[in-house]
Amino acid sequence: MRRIQLFIASSLDGYIARGDGSIDWLFHDGDYGYRRFMRGIDTVVMGRKTYELSLSFGAWPYPGCRAYVFSRRLTGESEHATFVRGDVRKFVQKLRRRRGKHIWLVGGAGLTRDFTAAGLIDDFIISVHPRLIGSGIPLFPPNSADWSLRLVGARRYRSGLVQLRYERAAT
């Protein structure tokens, strides 16, 4: 079955972005497993703000992937994505029934919160940057979930970044 995978970067103090959405503190000196991860997915799901940030990168960063963007404002389709709204559980049920590789929950914070609250994330791949940014958008907001996870891997990079791989523990 297709798995929902959260592949995301975090500061050591638990933020995915500064308060204004800036990610200027992220390391850009290496791949950190990104290409390998991308070979295992063919679908990306994200919120509108993350989609708009992705468009600012120049070239579309998810070539060859079907993209779905949860938005209350945008409808229909764009060159890169299909805009969706509604219940995340129903959407994921339909998506998992389709043939394909795994599904990347790209973010942002609101959609990650919704997927977490609905119990939809199977795998957590969190790249912890050795930076304290003091404040910002939290990886997991307070009271978003109470789950047991199982560590399935950890990798330390020379830069000090540590990538942690967890999966949901059997309940």
C-alpha atoms as a PDB file:
ATOM      1  CA  MET A   1       0.000   0.000   0.000  1.00  0.00           C
ATOM      2  CA  ARG A   2       1.113   3.545  -0.720  1.00  0.00           C
ATOM      3  CA  ARG A   3       2.460   5.297   2.353  1.00  0.00           C
ATOM      4  CA  ILE A   4       2.164   8.932   3.345  1.00  0.00           C
ATOM      5  CA  GLN A   5       5.677  10.187   4.072  1.00  0.00           C
ATOM      6  CA  LEU A   6       6.521  13.461   5.776  1.00  0.00           C
ATOM      7  CA  PHE A   7      10.014  14.415   4.540  1.00  0.00           C
ATOM      8  CA  ILE A   8      10.797  17.725   6.177  1.00  0.00           C
ATOM      9  CA  ALA A   9      13.566  19.861   7.658  1.00  0.00           C
ATOM     10  CA  SER A  10      13.503  21.263  11.162  1.00  0.00           C
ATOM     11  CA  SER A  11      15.707  23.443  13.283  1.00  0.00           C
ATOM     12  CA  LEU A  12      17.027  21.851  16.467  1.00  0.00           C
ATOM     13  CA  ASP A  13      14.463  23.862  18.420  1.00  0.00           C
ATOM     14  CA  GLY A  14      11.625  22.391  16.355  1.00  0.00           C
ATOM     15  CA  TYR A  15      10.758  24.986  13.722  1.00  0.00           C
ATOM     16  CA  ILE A  16      10.230  24.367  10.004  1.00  0.00           C
ATOM     17  CA  ALA A  17      10.420  28.047   9.048  1.00  0.00           C
ATOM     18  CA  ARG A  18      10.781  31.473  10.544  1.00  0.00           C
ATOM     19  CA  GLY A  19       7.587  33.311  11.475  1.00  0.00           C
ATOM     20  CA  ASP A  20       7.473  34.974   8.053  1.00  0.00           C
ATOM     21  CA  GLY A  21       7.834  31.599   6.298  1.00  0.00           C
ATOM     22  CA  SER A  22      11.507  32.134   5.474  1.00  0.00           C
ATOM     23  CA  ILE A  23      13.717  29.051   5.237  1.00  0.00           C
ATOM     24  CA  ASP A  24      17.000  30.929   4.769  1.00  0.00           C
ATOM     25  CA  TRP A  25      18.585  28.943   7.623  1.00  0.00           C
ATOM     26  CA  LEU A  26      18.385  25.584   5.781  1.00  0.00           C
ATOM     27  CA  PHE A  27      21.605  23.968   4.561  1.00  0.00           C
ATOM     28  CA  HIS A  28      22.056  23.934   0.792  1.00  0.00           C
ATOM     29  CA  ASP A  29      25.454  22.249   0.680  1.00  0.00           C
ATOM     30  CA  GLY A  30      24.251  18.750  -0.106  1.00  0.00           C
ATOM     31  CA  ASP A  31      21.440  16.485  -1.158  1.00  0.00           C
ATOM     32  CA  TYR A  32      20.824  14.925   2.285  1.00  0.00           C
ATOM     33  CA  GLY A  33      19.023  11.921   0.789  1.00  0.00           C
ATOM     34  CA  TYR A  34      16.625  13.963  -1.327  1.00  0.00           C
ATOM     35  CA  ARG A  35      17.270  12.236  -4.683  1.00  0.00           C
ATOM     36  CA  ARG A  36      16.957   8.791  -3.125  1.00  0.00           C
ATOM     37  CA  PHE A  37      13.722   9.814  -1.420  1.00  0.00           C
ATOM     38  CA  MET A  38      12.334  11.231  -4.685  1.00  0.00           C
ATOM     39  CA  ARG A  39      12.861   7.892  -6.450  1.00  0.00           C
ATOM     40  CA  GLY A  40      10.341   6.336  -4.053  1.00  0.00           C
ATOM     41  CA  ILE A  41       7.499   8.809  -4.588  1.00  0.00           C
ATOM     42  CA  ASP A  42       5.337   9.897  -7.496  1.00  0.00           C
ATOM     43  CA  THR A  43       2.829  12.135  -5.747  1.00  0.00           C
ATOM     44  CA  VAL A  44       3.207  15.260  -3.623  1.00  0.00           C
ATOM     45  CA  VAL A  45       0.591  16.871  -1.393  1.00  0.00           C
ATOM     46  CA  MET A  46       1.007  20.360   0.036  1.00  0.00           C
ATOM     47  CA  GLY A  47      -0.803  23.422   1.296  1.00  0.00           C
ATOM     48  CA  ARG A  48      -1.248  26.607  -0.707  1.00  0.00           C
ATOM     49  CA  LYS A  49       1.533  28.582   1.001  1.00  0.00           C
ATOM     50  CA  THR A  50       4.018  25.763   0.408  1.00  0.00           C
ATOM     51  CA  TYR A  51       2.884  25.596  -3.222  1.00  0.00           C
ATOM     52  CA  GLU A  52       3.430  29.330  -3.654  1.00  0.00           C
ATOM     53  CA  LEU A  53       6.876  29.059  -2.045  1.00  0.00           C
ATOM     54  CA  SER A  54       7.693  26.174  -4.419  1.00  0.00           C
ATOM     55  CA  LEU A  55       6.814  28.354  -7.409  1.00  0.00           C
ATOM     56  CA  SER A  56       9.336  30.960  -6.226  1.00  0.00           C
ATOM     57  CA  PHE A  57      12.225  28.491  -6.648  1.00  0.00           C
ATOM     58  CA  GLY A  58      12.231  28.925 -10.438  1.00  0.00           C
ATOM     59  CA  ALA A  59      12.002  25.440 -11.919  1.00  0.00           C
ATOM     60  CA  TRP A  60       9.207  23.269 -10.512  1.00  0.00           C
ATOM     61  CA  PRO A  61      10.938  21.233  -7.763  1.00  0.00           C
ATOM     62  CA  TYR A  62       8.782  18.090  -8.163  1.00  0.00           C
ATOM     63  CA  PRO A  63       9.200  17.043 -11.809  1.00  0.00           C
ATOM     64  CA  GLY A  64       7.498  13.797 -12.731  1.00  0.00           C
ATOM     65  CA  CYS A  65       5.232  13.925  -9.678  1.00  0.00           C
ATOM     66  CA  ARG A  66       1.502  14.412  -9.573  1.00  0.00           C
ATOM     67  CA  ALA A  67       0.879  17.377  -7.256  1.00  0.00           C
ATOM     68  CA  TYR A  68      -2.171  18.129  -5.136  1.00  0.00           C
ATOM     69  CA  VAL A  69      -2.544  21.420  -3.309  1.00  0.00           C
ATOM     70  CA  PHE A  70      -5.045  21.881  -0.498  1.00  0.00           C
ATOM     71  CA  SER A  71      -6.492  25.363  -0.783  1.00  0.00           C
ATOM     72  CA  ARG A  72      -9.642  27.221   0.137  1.00  0.00           C
ATOM     73  CA  ARG A  73      -8.800  29.957  -2.404  1.00  0.00           C
ATOM     74  CA  LEU A  74      -7.481  28.184  -5.491  1.00  0.00           C
ATOM     75  CA  THR A  75      -9.600  25.813  -7.579  1.00  0.00           C
ATOM     76  CA  GLY A  76      -9.182  23.672 -10.664  1.00  0.00           C
ATOM     77  CA  GLU A  77      -5.708  22.988 -11.990  1.00  0.00           C
ATOM     78  CA  SER A  78      -2.529  24.850 -12.792  1.00  0.00           C
ATOM     79  CA  GLU A  79       0.425  23.893 -14.939  1.00  0.00           C
ATOM     80  CA  HIS A  80       1.852  21.898 -12.032  1.00  0.00           C
ATOM     81  CA  ALA A  81      -0.945  20.991  -9.629  1.00  0.00           C
ATOM     82  CA  THR A  82      -4.538  20.044  -8.988  1.00  0.00           C
ATOM     83  CA  PHE A  83      -6.210  22.109  -6.270  1.00  0.00           C
ATOM     84  CA  VAL A  84      -8.301  20.231  -3.746  1.00  0.00           C
ATOM     85  CA  ARG A  85     -10.288  20.990  -0.621  1.00  0.00           C
ATOM     86  CA  GLY A  86     -12.320  19.060   1.857  1.00  0.00           C
ATOM     87  CA  ASP A  87     -11.735  16.185   4.221  1.00  0.00           C
ATOM     88  CA  VAL A  88      -8.104  15.016   4.217  1.00  0.00           C
ATOM     89  CA  ARG A  89      -9.116  11.473   5.259  1.00  0.00           C
ATOM     90  CA  LYS A  90     -11.390  10.974   2.250  1.00  0.00           C
ATOM     91  CA  PHE A  91      -8.792  12.457  -0.066  1.00  0.00           C
ATOM     92  CA  VAL A  92      -6.049  10.155   1.246  1.00  0.00           C
ATOM     93  CA  GLN A  93      -8.307   7.084   1.023  1.00  0.00           C
ATOM     94  CA  LYS A  94      -8.856   7.782  -2.685  1.00  0.00           C
ATOM     95  CA  LEU A  95      -5.186   8.519  -3.264  1.00  0.00           C
ATOM     96  CA  ARG A  96      -4.013   5.328  -1.571  1.00  0.00           C
ATOM     97  CA  ARG A  97      -6.325   3.226  -3.756  1.00  0.00           C
ATOM     98  CA  ARG A  98      -4.598   4.450  -6.908  1.00  0.00           C
ATOM     99  CA  ARG A  99      -1.583   2.591  -8.181  1.00  0.00           C
ATOM    100  CA  GLY A 100       1.707   4.272  -7.641  1.00  0.00           C
ATOM    101  CA  LYS A 101       4.661   4.918  -5.432  1.00  0.00           C
ATOM    102  CA  HIS A 102       4.572   6.541  -2.017  1.00  0.00           C
ATOM    103  CA  ILE A 103       3.092   9.983  -1.356  1.00  0.00           C
ATOM    104  CA  TRP A 104       5.104  12.910  -0.009  1.00  0.00           C
ATOM    105  CA  LEU A 105       3.362  15.255   2.392  1.00  0.00           C
ATOM    106  CA  VAL A 106       5.534  18.288   1.645  1.00  0.00           C
ATOM    107  CA  GLY A 107       3.865  20.631   4.152  1.00  0.00           C
ATOM    108  CA  GLY A 108       3.098  23.266   5.266  1.00  0.00           C
ATOM    109  CA  ALA A 109       2.322  23.518   8.898  1.00  0.00           C
ATOM    110  CA  GLY A 110      -1.470  23.634   8.627  1.00  0.00           C
ATOM    111  CA  LEU A 111      -1.746  20.633   6.336  1.00  0.00           C
ATOM    112  CA  THR A 112       0.799  18.682   8.385  1.00  0.00           C
ATOM    113  CA  ARG A 113      -1.308  19.439  11.457  1.00  0.00           C
ATOM    114  CA  ASP A 114      -4.449  18.170   9.674  1.00  0.00           C
ATOM    115  CA  PHE A 115      -2.746  14.965   8.473  1.00  0.00           C
ATOM    116  CA  THR A 116      -1.285  14.393  11.938  1.00  0.00           C
ATOM    117  CA  ALA A 117      -4.620  14.939  13.680  1.00  0.00           C
ATOM    118  CA  ALA A 118      -6.281  12.522  11.240  1.00  0.00           C
ATOM    119  CA  GLY A 119      -3.605   9.860  11.840  1.00  0.00           C
ATOM    120  CA  LEU A 120      -2.603   9.737   8.174  1.00  0.00           C
ATOM    121  CA  ILE A 121       1.207   9.950   8.255  1.00  0.00           C
ATOM    122  CA  ASP A 122       2.992   6.598   8.013  1.00  0.00           C
ATOM    123  CA  ASP A 123       6.635   7.685   7.871  1.00  0.00           C
ATOM    124  CA  PHE A 124       8.420  10.679   9.361  1.00  0.00           C
ATOM    125  CA  ILE A 125      11.764  11.614   7.782  1.00  0.00           C
ATOM    126  CA  ILE A 126      12.977  14.655   9.679  1.00  0.00           C
ATOM    127  CA  SER A 127      16.254  16.380   8.830  1.00  0.00           C
ATOM    128  CA  VAL A 128      17.284  18.221  11.982  1.00  0.00           C
ATOM    129  CA  HIS A 129      19.579  21.152  11.239  1.00  0.00           C
ATOM    130  CA  PRO A 130      21.992  22.132  14.017  1.00  0.00           C
ATOM    131  CA  ARG A 131      20.492  25.610  14.210  1.00  0.00           C
ATOM    132  CA  LEU A 132      18.421  27.321  16.869  1.00  0.00           C
ATOM    133  CA  ILE A 133      16.217  29.918  15.222  1.00  0.00           C
ATOM    134  CA  GLY A 134      14.365  30.929  18.384  1.00  0.00           C
ATOM    135  CA  SER A 135      10.855  31.198  17.024  1.00  0.00           C
ATOM    136  CA  GLY A 136       8.836  30.453  13.948  1.00  0.00           C
ATOM    137  CA  ILE A 137       6.441  27.887  12.550  1.00  0.00           C
ATOM    138  CA  PRO A 138       6.603  24.723  14.677  1.00  0.00           C
ATOM    139  CA  LEU A 139       7.103  21.295  13.143  1.00  0.00           C
ATOM    140  CA  PHE A 140       4.204  20.024  15.230  1.00  0.00           C
ATOM    141  CA  PRO A 141       1.942  22.513  16.962  1.00  0.00           C
ATOM    142  CA  PRO A 142       0.953  21.823  20.576  1.00  0.00           C
ATOM    143  CA  ASN A 143      -1.667  19.114  21.029  1.00  0.00           C
ATOM    144  CA  SER A 144      -1.433  17.949  17.402  1.00  0.00           C
ATOM    145  CA  ALA A 145      -1.128  14.241  18.237  1.00  0.00           C
ATOM    146  CA  ASP A 146      -0.155  11.655  20.798  1.00  0.00           C
ATOM    147  CA  TRP A 147       1.498   8.855  18.832  1.00  0.00           C
ATOM    148  CA  SER A 148       4.132   6.261  19.496  1.00  0.00           C
ATOM    149  CA  LEU A 149       6.778   6.104  16.801  1.00  0.00           C
ATOM    150  CA  ARG A 150       9.440   3.527  16.037  1.00  0.00           C
ATOM    151  CA  LEU A 151      12.919   4.658  15.014  1.00  0.00           C
ATOM    152  CA  VAL A 152      13.864   2.892  11.779  1.00  0.00           C
ATOM    153  CA  GLY A 153      16.996   4.832  10.960  1.00  0.00           C
ATOM    154  CA  ALA A 154      19.260   7.742  11.770  1.00  0.00           C
ATOM    155  CA  ARG A 155      22.039   9.257   9.719  1.00  0.00           C
ATOM    156  CA  ARG A 156      24.546  11.875  10.763  1.00  0.00           C
ATOM    157  CA  TYR A 157      26.104  14.104   8.112  1.00  0.00           C
ATOM    158  CA  ARG A 158      29.418  15.960   8.333  1.00  0.00           C
ATOM    159  CA  SER A 159      27.575  19.265   8.433  1.00  0.00           C
ATOM    160  CA  GLY A 160      26.010  18.248  11.747  1.00  0.00           C
ATOM    161  CA  LEU A 161      22.600  17.610  10.221  1.00  0.00           C
ATOM    162  CA  VAL A 162      20.943  14.461  11.551  1.00  0.00           C
ATOM    163  CA  GLN A 163      18.229  12.734   9.564  1.00  0.00           C
ATOM    164  CA  LEU A 164      15.805  10.709  11.669  1.00  0.00           C
ATOM    165  CA  ARG A 165      13.459   8.122  10.159  1.00  0.00           C
ATOM    166  CA  TYR A 166      10.443   7.021  12.153  1.00  0.00           C
ATOM    167  CA  GLU A 167       7.347   5.038  11.358  1.00  0.00           C
ATOM    168  CA  ARG A 168       4.119   4.803  13.276  1.00  0.00           C
ATOM    169  CA  ALA A 169       4.350   2.129  15.934  1.00  0.00           C
ATOM    170  CA  ALA A 170       1.728  -0.599  15.915  1.00  0.00           C
ATOM    171  CA  THR A 171      -1.029   0.228  18.354  1.00  0.00           C
END
